[in-house]
Amino acid sequence: MQEIPSDTFSNSYCIFIDESSVGKFKNKIKEYNNNDGIKIIRGNFSDGPLCVVIPNWMDFVKIEKELFAVKENNSGFWGQYGIGYSGKTWKEL
């Protein structure tokens, strides 16, 4: 798998998620994607955080609301502009 630097996502909206919701998010994301849009990535460091990355040209406010509606109960879910983790790398799931 290709390693993607964190800086690649500095102009994206990033939603950190829990492992339990990945399958549901993948299914929902298929509704938006044309192979160049939203990605689910996992960190190649520590305990490998998971993140949904939404490019800034997409309506991330609407997408975040729709993803929140399909997440697993009591699972982690928080969004921020940019991913942070400078110097770290990620892989696409």
C-alpha atoms as a PDB file:
ATOM      1  CA  MET A   1       0.000   0.000   0.000  1.00  0.00           C
ATOM      2  CA  GLN A   2       1.105   3.495  -0.779  1.00  0.00           C
ATOM      3  CA  GLU A   3       1.956   5.704   2.201  1.00  0.00           C
ATOM      4  CA  ILE A   4       0.232   9.099   2.074  1.00  0.00           C
ATOM      5  CA  PRO A   5       1.737  11.986   4.097  1.00  0.00           C
ATOM      6  CA  SER A   6      -0.553  13.829   6.532  1.00  0.00           C
ATOM      7  CA  ASP A   7       0.166  17.112   4.742  1.00  0.00           C
ATOM      8  CA  THR A   8      -1.773  15.792   1.724  1.00  0.00           C
ATOM      9  CA  PHE A   9      -4.962  16.288   3.755  1.00  0.00           C
ATOM     10  CA  SER A  10      -4.252  19.792   5.113  1.00  0.00           C
ATOM     11  CA  ASN A  11      -7.048  21.285   2.963  1.00  0.00           C
ATOM     12  CA  SER A  12      -9.576  18.537   3.618  1.00  0.00           C
ATOM     13  CA  TYR A  13     -12.246  17.977   6.224  1.00  0.00           C
ATOM     14  CA  CYS A  14     -11.306  14.980   8.342  1.00  0.00           C
ATOM     15  CA  ILE A  15     -13.651  12.908  10.482  1.00  0.00           C
ATOM     16  CA  PHE A  16     -12.007  10.560  12.956  1.00  0.00           C
ATOM     17  CA  ILE A  17     -14.007   7.388  13.358  1.00  0.00           C
ATOM     18  CA  ASP A  18     -14.189   4.178  15.326  1.00  0.00           C
ATOM     19  CA  GLU A  19     -13.381   0.803  13.785  1.00  0.00           C
ATOM     20  CA  SER A  20     -16.936  -0.429  14.404  1.00  0.00           C
ATOM     21  CA  SER A  21     -18.433   1.967  11.835  1.00  0.00           C
ATOM     22  CA  VAL A  22     -15.996   1.503   8.941  1.00  0.00           C
ATOM     23  CA  GLY A  23     -18.237  -0.895   6.985  1.00  0.00           C
ATOM     24  CA  LYS A  24     -21.272   1.391   7.219  1.00  0.00           C
ATOM     25  CA  PHE A  25     -19.193   4.414   6.213  1.00  0.00           C
ATOM     26  CA  LYS A  26     -17.739   2.589   3.204  1.00  0.00           C
ATOM     27  CA  ASN A  27     -21.241   1.777   1.966  1.00  0.00           C
ATOM     28  CA  LYS A  28     -22.484   5.348   2.467  1.00  0.00           C
ATOM     29  CA  ILE A  29     -19.381   6.870   0.837  1.00  0.00           C
ATOM     30  CA  LYS A  30     -20.032   4.880  -2.355  1.00  0.00           C
ATOM     31  CA  GLU A  31     -23.010   7.211  -2.917  1.00  0.00           C
ATOM     32  CA  TYR A  32     -20.668  10.219  -3.254  1.00  0.00           C
ATOM     33  CA  ASN A  33     -17.584   8.874  -4.934  1.00  0.00           C
ATOM     34  CA  ASN A  34     -16.318   8.788  -8.462  1.00  0.00           C
ATOM     35  CA  ASN A  35     -12.908   7.359  -7.458  1.00  0.00           C
ATOM     36  CA  ASP A  36     -11.527  10.824  -6.695  1.00  0.00           C
ATOM     37  CA  GLY A  37     -13.452  11.937  -3.638  1.00  0.00           C
ATOM     38  CA  ILE A  38     -13.890  10.758  -0.093  1.00  0.00           C
ATOM     39  CA  LYS A  39     -11.385   8.284   1.340  1.00  0.00           C
ATOM     40  CA  ILE A  40     -11.151   6.237   4.509  1.00  0.00           C
ATOM     41  CA  ILE A  41      -7.586   6.098   5.756  1.00  0.00           C
ATOM     42  CA  ARG A  42      -5.700   4.479   8.636  1.00  0.00           C
ATOM     43  CA  GLY A  43      -2.606   5.900  10.275  1.00  0.00           C
ATOM     44  CA  ASN A  44       0.672   4.007   9.889  1.00  0.00           C
ATOM     45  CA  PHE A  45       1.617   4.880  13.475  1.00  0.00           C
ATOM     46  CA  SER A  46       0.700   4.142  17.108  1.00  0.00           C
ATOM     47  CA  ASP A  47      -2.688   2.437  17.218  1.00  0.00           C
ATOM     48  CA  GLY A  48      -3.587   3.401  13.632  1.00  0.00           C
ATOM     49  CA  PRO A  49      -6.358   5.992  13.953  1.00  0.00           C
ATOM     50  CA  LEU A  50      -9.063   5.877  11.277  1.00  0.00           C
ATOM     51  CA  CYS A  51     -10.271   8.904   9.388  1.00  0.00           C
ATOM     52  CA  VAL A  52     -12.781   9.774   6.675  1.00  0.00           C
ATOM     53  CA  VAL A  53     -11.191  12.451   4.482  1.00  0.00           C
ATOM     54  CA  ILE A  54     -13.498  14.732   2.500  1.00  0.00           C
ATOM     55  CA  PRO A  55     -11.892  17.033  -0.099  1.00  0.00           C
ATOM     56  CA  ASN A  56     -12.657  20.718   0.442  1.00  0.00           C
ATOM     57  CA  TRP A  57     -14.489  20.942  -2.907  1.00  0.00           C
ATOM     58  CA  MET A  58     -17.230  18.655  -1.584  1.00  0.00           C
ATOM     59  CA  ASP A  59     -20.062  19.695   0.777  1.00  0.00           C
ATOM     60  CA  PHE A  60     -18.453  18.308   3.924  1.00  0.00           C
ATOM     61  CA  VAL A  61     -21.081  19.788   6.269  1.00  0.00           C
ATOM     62  CA  LYS A  62     -23.858  17.828   4.535  1.00  0.00           C
ATOM     63  CA  ILE A  63     -21.720  14.687   4.227  1.00  0.00           C
ATOM     64  CA  GLU A  64     -20.677  14.801   7.887  1.00  0.00           C
ATOM     65  CA  LYS A  65     -24.330  15.023   8.966  1.00  0.00           C
ATOM     66  CA  GLU A  66     -25.234  12.030   6.778  1.00  0.00           C
ATOM     67  CA  LEU A  67     -22.272   9.980   8.020  1.00  0.00           C
ATOM     68  CA  PHE A  68     -23.137  10.780  11.638  1.00  0.00           C
ATOM     69  CA  ALA A  69     -26.594   9.307  11.019  1.00  0.00           C
ATOM     70  CA  VAL A  70     -25.126   5.915   9.990  1.00  0.00           C
ATOM     71  CA  LYS A  71     -22.352   5.537  12.588  1.00  0.00           C
ATOM     72  CA  GLU A  72     -22.502   2.764  15.156  1.00  0.00           C
ATOM     73  CA  ASN A  73     -24.074   3.723  18.488  1.00  0.00           C
ATOM     74  CA  ASN A  74     -21.550   5.025  21.008  1.00  0.00           C
ATOM     75  CA  SER A  75     -18.692   4.936  18.483  1.00  0.00           C
ATOM     76  CA  GLY A  76     -16.121   7.700  18.155  1.00  0.00           C
ATOM     77  CA  PHE A  77     -16.843  10.444  15.631  1.00  0.00           C
ATOM     78  CA  TRP A  78     -15.363  13.937  15.486  1.00  0.00           C
ATOM     79  CA  GLY A  79     -14.475  16.228  12.616  1.00  0.00           C
ATOM     80  CA  GLN A  80     -11.898  18.935  12.024  1.00  0.00           C
ATOM     81  CA  TYR A  81     -10.444  20.855   9.127  1.00  0.00           C
ATOM     82  CA  GLY A  82      -7.044  19.323   8.354  1.00  0.00           C
ATOM     83  CA  ILE A  83      -5.733  16.084   9.735  1.00  0.00           C
ATOM     84  CA  GLY A  84      -2.799  17.091  11.935  1.00  0.00           C
ATOM     85  CA  TYR A  85      -0.196  14.402  12.706  1.00  0.00           C
ATOM     86  CA  SER A  86       2.616  16.259  10.935  1.00  0.00           C
ATOM     87  CA  GLY A  87       5.314  13.933   9.612  1.00  0.00           C
ATOM     88  CA  LYS A  88       3.104  10.830   9.837  1.00  0.00           C
ATOM     89  CA  THR A  89       1.747   8.698   6.998  1.00  0.00           C
ATOM     90  CA  TRP A  90      -1.562   7.010   6.220  1.00  0.00           C
ATOM     91  CA  LYS A  91      -2.852   4.241   3.959  1.00  0.00           C
ATOM     92  CA  GLU A  92      -6.174   4.131   2.163  1.00  0.00           C
ATOM     93  CA  LEU A  93      -8.558   1.340   3.145  1.00  0.00           C
END
